[in-house]
């Protein structure tokens, strides 16, 4: 039997079903186009197998298949106690929440799932459930296609983002108020009330799309926004200048990026670890920061400014096992950027 190549999406990690001879495949979960790298040909100088003896080759294949079937039958007959057969459990199928986002099978916690809002969609990721397991949520249903993990997108909640309070976007919960029903191939069935979750990281990624065009919520039209407020998007958070109660009230979005050119270097010394032992010197690479302000409802660039690097040495330096990075980029001049954004807001 020929070896089976297992491929996963380069972006979200989801398993990919790859037809023979395929070089590129689009992930059905996140839409990423994946270029597949298959094993290359064997070493040069190795001649391919001769086709001169087809009968001998066919006989060898048939014998191999017969042995494999016999071994599989023996394995089914003599499964040791304590080993879970795919599709069956040691106990009843009962689901329970182990934390705010994760549910498990009580009799076998190797089978579990988690819920999240990713890029505007509420989704369930099943881990370890046997291939062919049936699932149903309200009017939607399907089968799990991989016993490693499978991602099910249930509901697009992106249109609801406009009603999320800016000040409490991390605490606002979204998702279907419905029951999850599953049935294993063995016939065992169970259900669980789904939980709503926050969409904080998804909100940030959706707002960042303003770099490519307008970001509109339900019922909004593409029109100039004015400058009543500006929202600064950071790596894992956001900060508003001016008055914006809901996300649909946001007028401008500011995005920063570190420019690649190194404008100079500085050596910072005197760092010590937790045991008060000296750490190696740290070199700071000076890089400028570009801040772009865009109109959320049109995607147009309103303002753009380049800020010089913060030349101060960091108060602390990271060190893992005493071997931290010897160089790092300078920090963005946060105070200067925020002062500029505040000055743009019409009072």
C-alpha atoms as a PDB file:
ATOM      1  CA  UNK A   1       0.000   0.000   0.000  1.00  0.00           C
ATOM      2  CA  UNK A   2       1.427   3.394  -0.973  1.00  0.00           C
ATOM      3  CA  UNK A   3       2.088   5.973   1.762  1.00  0.00           C
ATOM      4  CA  UNK A   4      -0.576   8.638   2.315  1.00  0.00           C
ATOM      5  CA  UNK A   5       0.509  12.286   2.416  1.00  0.00           C
ATOM      6  CA  UNK A   6      -1.368  14.359   5.017  1.00  0.00           C
ATOM      7  CA  UNK A   7      -1.600  18.079   4.250  1.00  0.00           C
ATOM      8  CA  UNK A   8      -2.793  20.934   6.446  1.00  0.00           C
ATOM      9  CA  UNK A   9      -3.675  24.526   5.620  1.00  0.00           C
ATOM     10  CA  UNK A  10      -0.672  26.858   5.919  1.00  0.00           C
ATOM     11  CA  UNK A  11      -2.851  29.512   7.608  1.00  0.00           C
ATOM     12  CA  UNK A  12      -5.445  27.853   9.884  1.00  0.00           C
ATOM     13  CA  UNK A  13      -4.017  24.313  10.121  1.00  0.00           C
ATOM     14  CA  UNK A  14      -7.183  22.596   8.927  1.00  0.00           C
ATOM     15  CA  UNK A  15      -6.805  19.182   7.215  1.00  0.00           C
ATOM     16  CA  UNK A  16      -6.926  19.300   3.403  1.00  0.00           C
ATOM     17  CA  UNK A  17      -8.369  16.684   1.095  1.00  0.00           C
ATOM     18  CA  UNK A  18      -5.942  16.580  -1.831  1.00  0.00           C
ATOM     19  CA  UNK A  19      -6.931  14.809  -5.076  1.00  0.00           C
ATOM     20  CA  UNK A  20      -4.063  12.964  -6.825  1.00  0.00           C
ATOM     21  CA  UNK A  21      -1.905  15.211  -8.979  1.00  0.00           C
ATOM     22  CA  UNK A  22      -3.117  18.434  -7.354  1.00  0.00           C
ATOM     23  CA  UNK A  23      -0.482  21.159  -6.878  1.00  0.00           C
ATOM     24  CA  UNK A  24      -2.645  23.913  -5.393  1.00  0.00           C
ATOM     25  CA  UNK A  25      -5.735  23.607  -3.183  1.00  0.00           C
ATOM     26  CA  UNK A  26      -7.944  26.218  -1.524  1.00  0.00           C
ATOM     27  CA  UNK A  27      -8.787  25.622   2.152  1.00  0.00           C
ATOM     28  CA  UNK A  28     -12.550  25.240   2.572  1.00  0.00           C
ATOM     29  CA  UNK A  29     -12.349  26.695   6.072  1.00  0.00           C
ATOM     30  CA  UNK A  30     -10.418  29.965   5.674  1.00  0.00           C
ATOM     31  CA  UNK A  31     -10.121  30.328   1.874  1.00  0.00           C
ATOM     32  CA  UNK A  32      -6.291  30.278   1.792  1.00  0.00           C
ATOM     33  CA  UNK A  33      -4.666  29.024  -1.417  1.00  0.00           C
ATOM     34  CA  UNK A  34      -2.050  26.402  -0.461  1.00  0.00           C
ATOM     35  CA  UNK A  35       0.877  25.468  -2.721  1.00  0.00           C
ATOM     36  CA  UNK A  36       1.550  21.789  -2.019  1.00  0.00           C
ATOM     37  CA  UNK A  37       5.099  20.530  -1.755  1.00  0.00           C
ATOM     38  CA  UNK A  38       5.143  16.867  -2.564  1.00  0.00           C
ATOM     39  CA  UNK A  39       8.162  14.597  -2.048  1.00  0.00           C
ATOM     40  CA  UNK A  40      10.538  14.823  -4.979  1.00  0.00           C
ATOM     41  CA  UNK A  41      11.776  11.924  -7.138  1.00  0.00           C
ATOM     42  CA  UNK A  42      14.194   9.385  -5.749  1.00  0.00           C
ATOM     43  CA  UNK A  43      18.004   9.647  -6.031  1.00  0.00           C
ATOM     44  CA  UNK A  44      19.440   9.916  -9.514  1.00  0.00           C
ATOM     45  CA  UNK A  45      20.784   6.734 -11.007  1.00  0.00           C
ATOM     46  CA  UNK A  46      18.094   4.528  -9.468  1.00  0.00           C
ATOM     47  CA  UNK A  47      16.290   2.798 -12.268  1.00  0.00           C
ATOM     48  CA  UNK A  48      12.487   2.531 -12.115  1.00  0.00           C
ATOM     49  CA  UNK A  49      10.967  -0.857 -11.487  1.00  0.00           C
ATOM     50  CA  UNK A  50      10.779  -2.951 -14.573  1.00  0.00           C
ATOM     51  CA  UNK A  51       7.372  -3.724 -16.019  1.00  0.00           C
ATOM     52  CA  UNK A  52       8.692  -7.001 -17.450  1.00  0.00           C
ATOM     53  CA  UNK A  53       7.152  -9.189 -14.780  1.00  0.00           C
ATOM     54  CA  UNK A  54       3.552  -7.955 -14.273  1.00  0.00           C
ATOM     55  CA  UNK A  55       2.302 -11.347 -13.113  1.00  0.00           C
ATOM     56  CA  UNK A  56       4.900 -11.545 -10.320  1.00  0.00           C
ATOM     57  CA  UNK A  57       4.112  -7.983  -9.216  1.00  0.00           C
ATOM     58  CA  UNK A  58       0.358  -8.647  -9.210  1.00  0.00           C
ATOM     59  CA  UNK A  59       0.851 -11.798  -7.139  1.00  0.00           C
ATOM     60  CA  UNK A  60       2.921  -9.889  -4.590  1.00  0.00           C
ATOM     61  CA  UNK A  61       0.238  -7.211  -4.333  1.00  0.00           C
ATOM     62  CA  UNK A  62      -2.530  -9.785  -3.830  1.00  0.00           C
ATOM     63  CA  UNK A  63      -0.542 -11.575  -1.139  1.00  0.00           C
ATOM     64  CA  UNK A  64       0.123  -8.264   0.621  1.00  0.00           C
ATOM     65  CA  UNK A  65      -3.578  -7.358   0.546  1.00  0.00           C
ATOM     66  CA  UNK A  66      -4.531 -10.765   1.944  1.00  0.00           C
ATOM     67  CA  UNK A  67      -2.053 -10.404   4.813  1.00  0.00           C
ATOM     68  CA  UNK A  68      -3.315  -6.885   5.595  1.00  0.00           C
ATOM     69  CA  UNK A  69      -6.946  -8.081   5.677  1.00  0.00           C
ATOM     70  CA  UNK A  70      -6.036 -10.969   7.968  1.00  0.00           C
ATOM     71  CA  UNK A  71      -4.137  -8.681  10.343  1.00  0.00           C
ATOM     72  CA  UNK A  72      -7.029  -6.204  10.454  1.00  0.00           C
ATOM     73  CA  UNK A  73      -9.487  -8.977  11.248  1.00  0.00           C
ATOM     74  CA  UNK A  74      -7.235 -10.262  14.023  1.00  0.00           C
ATOM     75  CA  UNK A  75      -6.906  -6.772  15.467  1.00  0.00           C
ATOM     76  CA  UNK A  76     -10.688  -6.408  15.630  1.00  0.00           C
ATOM     77  CA  UNK A  77     -11.093  -9.788  17.330  1.00  0.00           C
ATOM     78  CA  UNK A  78      -8.369  -9.207  19.900  1.00  0.00           C
ATOM     79  CA  UNK A  79      -8.675  -5.549  20.924  1.00  0.00           C
ATOM     80  CA  UNK A  80      -7.174  -5.306  24.425  1.00  0.00           C
ATOM     81  CA  UNK A  81      -9.319  -3.962  27.207  1.00  0.00           C
ATOM     82  CA  UNK A  82      -8.914  -0.244  27.832  1.00  0.00           C
ATOM     83  CA  UNK A  83      -8.204   0.566  24.163  1.00  0.00           C
ATOM     84  CA  UNK A  84     -10.901   2.736  22.574  1.00  0.00           C
ATOM     85  CA  UNK A  85     -12.174   1.534  19.221  1.00  0.00           C
ATOM     86  CA  UNK A  86     -12.871   4.493  16.881  1.00  0.00           C
ATOM     87  CA  UNK A  87     -16.561   5.343  17.079  1.00  0.00           C
ATOM     88  CA  UNK A  88     -17.102   3.711  20.487  1.00  0.00           C
ATOM     89  CA  UNK A  89     -16.567   4.885  24.072  1.00  0.00           C
ATOM     90  CA  UNK A  90     -15.801   3.208  27.363  1.00  0.00           C
ATOM     91  CA  UNK A  91     -18.875   4.844  28.876  1.00  0.00           C
ATOM     92  CA  UNK A  92     -21.983   6.821  27.925  1.00  0.00           C
ATOM     93  CA  UNK A  93     -21.655   9.770  25.569  1.00  0.00           C
ATOM     94  CA  UNK A  94     -22.108  12.862  27.740  1.00  0.00           C
ATOM     95  CA  UNK A  95     -20.908  16.367  26.904  1.00  0.00           C
ATOM     96  CA  UNK A  96     -19.978  19.075  29.389  1.00  0.00           C
ATOM     97  CA  UNK A  97     -18.213  22.439  29.339  1.00  0.00           C
ATOM     98  CA  UNK A  98     -14.731  22.348  30.882  1.00  0.00           C
ATOM     99  CA  UNK A  99     -14.229  26.122  30.481  1.00  0.00           C
ATOM    100  CA  UNK A 100     -15.881  29.064  28.709  1.00  0.00           C
ATOM    101  CA  UNK A 101     -14.895  27.867  25.233  1.00  0.00           C
ATOM    102  CA  UNK A 102     -14.170  24.144  25.489  1.00  0.00           C
ATOM    103  CA  UNK A 103     -16.500  21.159  25.866  1.00  0.00           C
ATOM    104  CA  UNK A 104     -15.419  17.549  26.424  1.00  0.00           C
ATOM    105  CA  UNK A 105     -16.791  14.019  26.398  1.00  0.00           C
ATOM    106  CA  UNK A 106     -16.955  13.132  30.097  1.00  0.00           C
ATOM    107  CA  UNK A 107     -15.933   9.482  29.626  1.00  0.00           C
ATOM    108  CA  UNK A 108     -13.088  10.275  27.192  1.00  0.00           C
ATOM    109  CA  UNK A 109     -11.573  13.776  27.288  1.00  0.00           C
ATOM    110  CA  UNK A 110      -9.487  12.994  24.181  1.00  0.00           C
ATOM    111  CA  UNK A 111     -12.721  13.888  22.399  1.00  0.00           C
ATOM    112  CA  UNK A 112     -13.443  17.582  22.788  1.00  0.00           C
ATOM    113  CA  UNK A 113     -14.462  20.727  20.963  1.00  0.00           C
ATOM    114  CA  UNK A 114     -14.000  24.457  21.245  1.00  0.00           C
ATOM    115  CA  UNK A 115     -16.009  27.431  20.031  1.00  0.00           C
ATOM    116  CA  UNK A 116     -14.755  30.786  18.770  1.00  0.00           C
ATOM    117  CA  UNK A 117     -15.545  33.721  16.520  1.00  0.00           C
ATOM    118  CA  UNK A 118     -12.878  33.738  13.795  1.00  0.00           C
ATOM    119  CA  UNK A 119     -12.826  36.361  11.033  1.00  0.00           C
ATOM    120  CA  UNK A 120     -16.491  37.156  11.617  1.00  0.00           C
ATOM    121  CA  UNK A 121     -17.828  33.584  11.809  1.00  0.00           C
ATOM    122  CA  UNK A 122     -18.928  31.593  14.868  1.00  0.00           C
ATOM    123  CA  UNK A 123     -17.344  28.165  14.515  1.00  0.00           C
ATOM    124  CA  UNK A 124     -16.902  24.857  16.322  1.00  0.00           C
ATOM    125  CA  UNK A 125     -13.677  22.856  16.091  1.00  0.00           C
ATOM    126  CA  UNK A 126     -14.110  19.138  16.839  1.00  0.00           C
ATOM    127  CA  UNK A 127     -11.011  17.277  18.049  1.00  0.00           C
ATOM    128  CA  UNK A 128     -10.726  13.481  18.052  1.00  0.00           C
ATOM    129  CA  UNK A 129     -14.332  12.703  17.137  1.00  0.00           C
ATOM    130  CA  UNK A 130     -14.559   9.726  14.760  1.00  0.00           C
ATOM    131  CA  UNK A 131     -14.885  10.466  11.069  1.00  0.00           C
ATOM    132  CA  UNK A 132     -18.537  10.214  10.111  1.00  0.00           C
ATOM    133  CA  UNK A 133     -19.852  11.602  13.399  1.00  0.00           C
ATOM    134  CA  UNK A 134     -23.102  13.465  12.690  1.00  0.00           C
ATOM    135  CA  UNK A 135     -23.673  16.979  14.054  1.00  0.00           C
ATOM    136  CA  UNK A 136     -26.681  19.277  14.053  1.00  0.00           C
ATOM    137  CA  UNK A 137     -27.260  22.858  15.224  1.00  0.00           C
ATOM    138  CA  UNK A 138     -30.743  24.276  14.599  1.00  0.00           C
ATOM    139  CA  UNK A 139     -31.370  23.899  10.845  1.00  0.00           C
ATOM    140  CA  UNK A 140     -27.753  23.122   9.964  1.00  0.00           C
ATOM    141  CA  UNK A 141     -26.264  19.624   9.989  1.00  0.00           C
ATOM    142  CA  UNK A 142     -23.383  17.620   8.594  1.00  0.00           C
ATOM    143  CA  UNK A 143     -20.713  15.010   9.278  1.00  0.00           C
ATOM    144  CA  UNK A 144     -17.225  15.299  10.748  1.00  0.00           C
ATOM    145  CA  UNK A 145     -14.726  14.574   7.976  1.00  0.00           C
ATOM    146  CA  UNK A 146     -11.523  14.016   9.961  1.00  0.00           C
ATOM    147  CA  UNK A 147     -10.897  12.195  13.242  1.00  0.00           C
ATOM    148  CA  UNK A 148      -7.967  14.565  13.877  1.00  0.00           C
ATOM    149  CA  UNK A 149     -10.046  17.732  13.864  1.00  0.00           C
ATOM    150  CA  UNK A 150     -12.742  19.358  11.797  1.00  0.00           C
ATOM    151  CA  UNK A 151     -13.905  22.982  11.735  1.00  0.00           C
ATOM    152  CA  UNK A 152     -17.589  23.783  11.318  1.00  0.00           C
ATOM    153  CA  UNK A 153     -18.613  27.369  10.498  1.00  0.00           C
ATOM    154  CA  UNK A 154     -22.115  27.900  11.844  1.00  0.00           C
ATOM    155  CA  UNK A 155     -23.045  31.567  11.633  1.00  0.00           C
ATOM    156  CA  UNK A 156     -21.602  34.778  10.221  1.00  0.00           C
ATOM    157  CA  UNK A 157     -21.878  37.335  13.030  1.00  0.00           C
ATOM    158  CA  UNK A 158     -19.819  40.068  11.392  1.00  0.00           C
ATOM    159  CA  UNK A 159     -22.916  42.124  10.657  1.00  0.00           C
ATOM    160  CA  UNK A 160     -23.553  42.394  14.395  1.00  0.00           C
ATOM    161  CA  UNK A 161     -20.176  44.010  15.089  1.00  0.00           C
ATOM    162  CA  UNK A 162     -21.595  47.504  14.650  1.00  0.00           C
ATOM    163  CA  UNK A 163     -23.677  47.144  17.835  1.00  0.00           C
ATOM    164  CA  UNK A 164     -20.682  46.184  19.982  1.00  0.00           C
ATOM    165  CA  UNK A 165     -19.760  48.844  22.587  1.00  0.00           C
ATOM    166  CA  UNK A 166     -16.295  50.235  21.895  1.00  0.00           C
ATOM    167  CA  UNK A 167     -15.376  50.386  25.594  1.00  0.00           C
ATOM    168  CA  UNK A 168     -16.480  46.772  26.247  1.00  0.00           C
ATOM    169  CA  UNK A 169     -15.705  45.033  22.971  1.00  0.00           C
ATOM    170  CA  UNK A 170     -13.842  42.271  24.827  1.00  0.00           C
ATOM    171  CA  UNK A 171     -16.873  41.424  26.956  1.00  0.00           C
ATOM    172  CA  UNK A 172     -19.592  41.446  24.298  1.00  0.00           C
ATOM    173  CA  UNK A 173     -20.733  37.869  23.482  1.00  0.00           C
ATOM    174  CA  UNK A 174     -21.955  36.647  20.103  1.00  0.00           C
ATOM    175  CA  UNK A 175     -23.119  33.349  18.639  1.00  0.00           C
ATOM    176  CA  UNK A 176     -26.210  31.193  18.174  1.00  0.00           C
ATOM    177  CA  UNK A 177     -28.474  30.442  21.132  1.00  0.00           C
ATOM    178  CA  UNK A 178     -28.957  26.853  20.065  1.00  0.00           C
ATOM    179  CA  UNK A 179     -28.273  23.253  20.994  1.00  0.00           C
ATOM    180  CA  UNK A 180     -25.473  21.148  19.517  1.00  0.00           C
ATOM    181  CA  UNK A 181     -26.481  17.546  18.807  1.00  0.00           C
ATOM    182  CA  UNK A 182     -23.960  14.855  17.854  1.00  0.00           C
ATOM    183  CA  UNK A 183     -24.217  11.172  17.017  1.00  0.00           C
ATOM    184  CA  UNK A 184     -21.192   8.867  16.798  1.00  0.00           C
ATOM    185  CA  UNK A 185     -20.946   6.162  14.100  1.00  0.00           C
ATOM    186  CA  UNK A 186     -21.692   3.666  16.911  1.00  0.00           C
ATOM    187  CA  UNK A 187     -25.121   5.272  17.367  1.00  0.00           C
ATOM    188  CA  UNK A 188     -24.352   6.968  20.696  1.00  0.00           C
ATOM    189  CA  UNK A 189     -25.846  10.460  20.823  1.00  0.00           C
ATOM    190  CA  UNK A 190     -25.688  13.523  23.072  1.00  0.00           C
ATOM    191  CA  UNK A 191     -26.513  17.236  23.069  1.00  0.00           C
ATOM    192  CA  UNK A 192     -25.174  20.422  24.605  1.00  0.00           C
ATOM    193  CA  UNK A 193     -26.352  24.051  24.790  1.00  0.00           C
ATOM    194  CA  UNK A 194     -23.841  26.159  22.853  1.00  0.00           C
ATOM    195  CA  UNK A 195     -22.210  29.148  24.519  1.00  0.00           C
ATOM    196  CA  UNK A 196     -21.751  32.579  23.046  1.00  0.00           C
ATOM    197  CA  UNK A 197     -18.191  33.935  23.023  1.00  0.00           C
ATOM    198  CA  UNK A 198     -16.440  37.263  22.614  1.00  0.00           C
ATOM    199  CA  UNK A 199     -15.295  38.359  19.169  1.00  0.00           C
ATOM    200  CA  UNK A 200     -12.457  40.645  20.283  1.00  0.00           C
ATOM    201  CA  UNK A 201      -9.703  39.413  17.951  1.00  0.00           C
ATOM    202  CA  UNK A 202     -12.130  39.048  15.059  1.00  0.00           C
ATOM    203  CA  UNK A 203     -13.271  42.649  15.547  1.00  0.00           C
ATOM    204  CA  UNK A 204      -9.672  43.847  15.244  1.00  0.00           C
ATOM    205  CA  UNK A 205      -9.041  41.815  12.086  1.00  0.00           C
ATOM    206  CA  UNK A 206     -12.267  43.044  10.465  1.00  0.00           C
ATOM    207  CA  UNK A 207     -11.484  46.701  11.223  1.00  0.00           C
ATOM    208  CA  UNK A 208      -7.998  46.240   9.768  1.00  0.00           C
ATOM    209  CA  UNK A 209      -9.595  45.510   6.385  1.00  0.00           C
ATOM    210  CA  UNK A 210     -10.034  49.267   6.020  1.00  0.00           C
ATOM    211  CA  UNK A 211      -6.554  49.178   4.439  1.00  0.00           C
ATOM    212  CA  UNK A 212      -8.196  47.545   1.419  1.00  0.00           C
ATOM    213  CA  UNK A 213     -11.532  49.374   1.340  1.00  0.00           C
ATOM    214  CA  UNK A 214     -14.570  50.466   3.382  1.00  0.00           C
ATOM    215  CA  UNK A 215     -15.634  48.519   6.480  1.00  0.00           C
ATOM    216  CA  UNK A 216     -19.425  48.800   6.724  1.00  0.00           C
ATOM    217  CA  UNK A 217     -21.808  47.296   9.270  1.00  0.00           C
ATOM    218  CA  UNK A 218     -25.460  46.346   8.718  1.00  0.00           C
ATOM    219  CA  UNK A 219     -27.489  49.173   7.207  1.00  0.00           C
ATOM    220  CA  UNK A 220     -24.526  51.514   6.601  1.00  0.00           C
ATOM    221  CA  UNK A 221     -23.866  53.342   3.357  1.00  0.00           C
ATOM    222  CA  UNK A 222     -20.508  54.193   1.823  1.00  0.00           C
ATOM    223  CA  UNK A 223     -20.095  57.905   2.580  1.00  0.00           C
ATOM    224  CA  UNK A 224     -17.594  60.340   4.080  1.00  0.00           C
ATOM    225  CA  UNK A 225     -17.471  59.998   7.848  1.00  0.00           C
ATOM    226  CA  UNK A 226     -16.082  63.295   9.084  1.00  0.00           C
ATOM    227  CA  UNK A 227     -13.569  63.482  11.921  1.00  0.00           C
ATOM    228  CA  UNK A 228     -15.529  63.202  15.152  1.00  0.00           C
ATOM    229  CA  UNK A 229     -13.347  60.343  16.427  1.00  0.00           C
ATOM    230  CA  UNK A 230     -10.446  58.097  15.489  1.00  0.00           C
ATOM    231  CA  UNK A 231      -9.786  54.516  16.565  1.00  0.00           C
ATOM    232  CA  UNK A 232      -6.152  53.391  16.932  1.00  0.00           C
ATOM    233  CA  UNK A 233      -5.687  49.706  16.093  1.00  0.00           C
ATOM    234  CA  UNK A 234      -2.831  48.053  17.972  1.00  0.00           C
ATOM    235  CA  UNK A 235      -1.512  44.486  17.937  1.00  0.00           C
ATOM    236  CA  UNK A 236      -4.119  43.063  20.324  1.00  0.00           C
ATOM    237  CA  UNK A 237      -6.132  46.070  21.440  1.00  0.00           C
ATOM    238  CA  UNK A 238      -7.619  49.360  20.318  1.00  0.00           C
ATOM    239  CA  UNK A 239      -8.007  52.877  21.706  1.00  0.00           C
ATOM    240  CA  UNK A 240     -10.499  55.562  20.711  1.00  0.00           C
ATOM    241  CA  UNK A 241      -9.935  59.324  20.626  1.00  0.00           C
ATOM    242  CA  UNK A 242     -13.139  61.332  20.663  1.00  0.00           C
ATOM    243  CA  UNK A 243     -16.674  60.083  21.239  1.00  0.00           C
ATOM    244  CA  UNK A 244     -17.722  56.684  19.819  1.00  0.00           C
ATOM    245  CA  UNK A 245     -20.151  54.587  21.856  1.00  0.00           C
ATOM    246  CA  UNK A 246     -20.623  51.686  19.416  1.00  0.00           C
ATOM    247  CA  UNK A 247     -18.318  50.383  16.696  1.00  0.00           C
ATOM    248  CA  UNK A 248     -20.757  51.729  14.106  1.00  0.00           C
ATOM    249  CA  UNK A 249     -20.037  55.211  15.522  1.00  0.00           C
ATOM    250  CA  UNK A 250     -16.318  54.997  14.634  1.00  0.00           C
ATOM    251  CA  UNK A 251     -15.359  57.469  11.906  1.00  0.00           C
ATOM    252  CA  UNK A 252     -11.615  57.042  11.354  1.00  0.00           C
ATOM    253  CA  UNK A 253      -9.257  54.106  11.879  1.00  0.00           C
ATOM    254  CA  UNK A 254      -5.519  54.573  12.483  1.00  0.00           C
ATOM    255  CA  UNK A 255      -3.048  51.810  11.619  1.00  0.00           C
ATOM    256  CA  UNK A 256       0.673  51.871  12.401  1.00  0.00           C
ATOM    257  CA  UNK A 257       3.549  49.939  10.882  1.00  0.00           C
ATOM    258  CA  UNK A 258       7.286  49.867  11.529  1.00  0.00           C
ATOM    259  CA  UNK A 259       9.270  50.915   8.455  1.00  0.00           C
ATOM    260  CA  UNK A 260      12.020  48.455   7.448  1.00  0.00           C
ATOM    261  CA  UNK A 261      14.953  50.875   7.034  1.00  0.00           C
ATOM    262  CA  UNK A 262      17.367  50.976   9.989  1.00  0.00           C
ATOM    263  CA  UNK A 263      18.182  54.588  10.846  1.00  0.00           C
ATOM    264  CA  UNK A 264      20.880  53.801  13.409  1.00  0.00           C
ATOM    265  CA  UNK A 265      21.779  51.609  16.372  1.00  0.00           C
ATOM    266  CA  UNK A 266      22.314  52.020  20.095  1.00  0.00           C
ATOM    267  CA  UNK A 267      23.799  49.672  22.694  1.00  0.00           C
ATOM    268  CA  UNK A 268      21.917  49.327  25.983  1.00  0.00           C
ATOM    269  CA  UNK A 269      23.698  47.871  29.011  1.00  0.00           C
ATOM    270  CA  UNK A 270      23.183  47.051  32.680  1.00  0.00           C
ATOM    271  CA  UNK A 271      20.505  44.336  32.388  1.00  0.00           C
ATOM    272  CA  UNK A 272      20.332  41.536  34.951  1.00  0.00           C
ATOM    273  CA  UNK A 273      18.349  38.324  35.261  1.00  0.00           C
ATOM    274  CA  UNK A 274      16.192  37.207  38.201  1.00  0.00           C
ATOM    275  CA  UNK A 275      19.237  35.957  40.036  1.00  0.00           C
ATOM    276  CA  UNK A 276      20.861  39.375  39.656  1.00  0.00           C
ATOM    277  CA  UNK A 277      23.406  38.030  37.193  1.00  0.00           C
ATOM    278  CA  UNK A 278      24.435  40.337  34.340  1.00  0.00           C
ATOM    279  CA  UNK A 279      22.853  39.806  30.937  1.00  0.00           C
ATOM    280  CA  UNK A 280      24.518  40.529  27.575  1.00  0.00           C
ATOM    281  CA  UNK A 281      24.211  44.018  26.137  1.00  0.00           C
ATOM    282  CA  UNK A 282      21.206  44.756  23.936  1.00  0.00           C
ATOM    283  CA  UNK A 283      21.446  46.577  20.595  1.00  0.00           C
ATOM    284  CA  UNK A 284      18.472  48.701  19.577  1.00  0.00           C
ATOM    285  CA  UNK A 285      17.801  49.158  15.848  1.00  0.00           C
ATOM    286  CA  UNK A 286      16.230  52.555  15.227  1.00  0.00           C
ATOM    287  CA  UNK A 287      13.235  52.339  12.886  1.00  0.00           C
ATOM    288  CA  UNK A 288      10.589  54.924  12.046  1.00  0.00           C
ATOM    289  CA  UNK A 289       6.862  54.306  12.490  1.00  0.00           C
ATOM    290  CA  UNK A 290       4.318  55.180   9.815  1.00  0.00           C
ATOM    291  CA  UNK A 291       0.785  55.971  10.999  1.00  0.00           C
ATOM    292  CA  UNK A 292      -2.030  56.024   8.448  1.00  0.00           C
ATOM    293  CA  UNK A 293      -5.514  57.353   9.229  1.00  0.00           C
ATOM    294  CA  UNK A 294      -8.332  56.042   7.022  1.00  0.00           C
ATOM    295  CA  UNK A 295     -12.030  56.792   6.697  1.00  0.00           C
ATOM    296  CA  UNK A 296     -13.790  53.626   7.896  1.00  0.00           C
ATOM    297  CA  UNK A 297     -16.853  54.092   5.660  1.00  0.00           C
ATOM    298  CA  UNK A 298     -14.952  54.802   2.422  1.00  0.00           C
ATOM    299  CA  UNK A 299     -11.472  53.348   2.940  1.00  0.00           C
ATOM    300  CA  UNK A 300      -9.889  56.638   1.805  1.00  0.00           C
ATOM    301  CA  UNK A 301      -6.613  57.799   3.361  1.00  0.00           C
ATOM    302  CA  UNK A 302      -7.269  60.941   5.442  1.00  0.00           C
ATOM    303  CA  UNK A 303      -3.840  61.573   6.966  1.00  0.00           C
ATOM    304  CA  UNK A 304      -0.431  59.905   7.019  1.00  0.00           C
ATOM    305  CA  UNK A 305       2.593  60.745   9.144  1.00  0.00           C
ATOM    306  CA  UNK A 306       6.018  59.217   9.839  1.00  0.00           C
ATOM    307  CA  UNK A 307       7.322  59.365  13.406  1.00  0.00           C
ATOM    308  CA  UNK A 308      11.007  59.099  14.408  1.00  0.00           C
ATOM    309  CA  UNK A 309      11.977  56.133  16.619  1.00  0.00           C
ATOM    310  CA  UNK A 310      11.919  56.172  20.406  1.00  0.00           C
ATOM    311  CA  UNK A 311      15.655  56.148  21.208  1.00  0.00           C
ATOM    312  CA  UNK A 312      15.302  55.262  24.909  1.00  0.00           C
ATOM    313  CA  UNK A 313      16.647  51.918  26.107  1.00  0.00           C
ATOM    314  CA  UNK A 314      13.891  49.569  27.304  1.00  0.00           C
ATOM    315  CA  UNK A 315      13.592  49.244  31.084  1.00  0.00           C
ATOM    316  CA  UNK A 316      13.670  45.435  30.830  1.00  0.00           C
ATOM    317  CA  UNK A 317      14.873  42.929  28.295  1.00  0.00           C
ATOM    318  CA  UNK A 318      13.490  39.479  27.634  1.00  0.00           C
ATOM    319  CA  UNK A 319      15.700  36.551  28.476  1.00  0.00           C
ATOM    320  CA  UNK A 320      14.724  32.894  28.145  1.00  0.00           C
ATOM    321  CA  UNK A 321      17.281  30.689  29.865  1.00  0.00           C
ATOM    322  CA  UNK A 322      19.754  33.572  29.733  1.00  0.00           C
ATOM    323  CA  UNK A 323      19.777  33.568  25.927  1.00  0.00           C
ATOM    324  CA  UNK A 324      17.621  36.510  24.867  1.00  0.00           C
ATOM    325  CA  UNK A 325      17.833  38.283  21.517  1.00  0.00           C
ATOM    326  CA  UNK A 326      20.951  40.470  21.227  1.00  0.00           C
ATOM    327  CA  UNK A 327      19.165  42.953  18.904  1.00  0.00           C
ATOM    328  CA  UNK A 328      15.641  44.310  18.701  1.00  0.00           C
ATOM    329  CA  UNK A 329      13.745  47.113  16.977  1.00  0.00           C
ATOM    330  CA  UNK A 330      13.122  50.373  18.795  1.00  0.00           C
ATOM    331  CA  UNK A 331       9.699  50.951  20.287  1.00  0.00           C
ATOM    332  CA  UNK A 332       7.121  53.073  18.490  1.00  0.00           C
ATOM    333  CA  UNK A 333       6.767  56.591  19.993  1.00  0.00           C
ATOM    334  CA  UNK A 334       3.305  55.849  21.400  1.00  0.00           C
ATOM    335  CA  UNK A 335       2.800  59.157  23.202  1.00  0.00           C
ATOM    336  CA  UNK A 336       3.645  61.212  20.114  1.00  0.00           C
ATOM    337  CA  UNK A 337       1.318  59.130  17.930  1.00  0.00           C
ATOM    338  CA  UNK A 338      -1.567  59.392  20.382  1.00  0.00           C
ATOM    339  CA  UNK A 339      -1.094  63.153  20.766  1.00  0.00           C
ATOM    340  CA  UNK A 340      -1.248  63.560  16.976  1.00  0.00           C
ATOM    341  CA  UNK A 341      -4.396  61.420  16.658  1.00  0.00           C
ATOM    342  CA  UNK A 342      -6.068  63.374  19.444  1.00  0.00           C
ATOM    343  CA  UNK A 343      -5.336  66.627  17.592  1.00  0.00           C
ATOM    344  CA  UNK A 344      -7.174  65.321  14.494  1.00  0.00           C
ATOM    345  CA  UNK A 345     -10.486  64.925  16.308  1.00  0.00           C
ATOM    346  CA  UNK A 346     -12.969  67.759  15.821  1.00  0.00           C
ATOM    347  CA  UNK A 347     -13.994  69.090  19.201  1.00  0.00           C
END
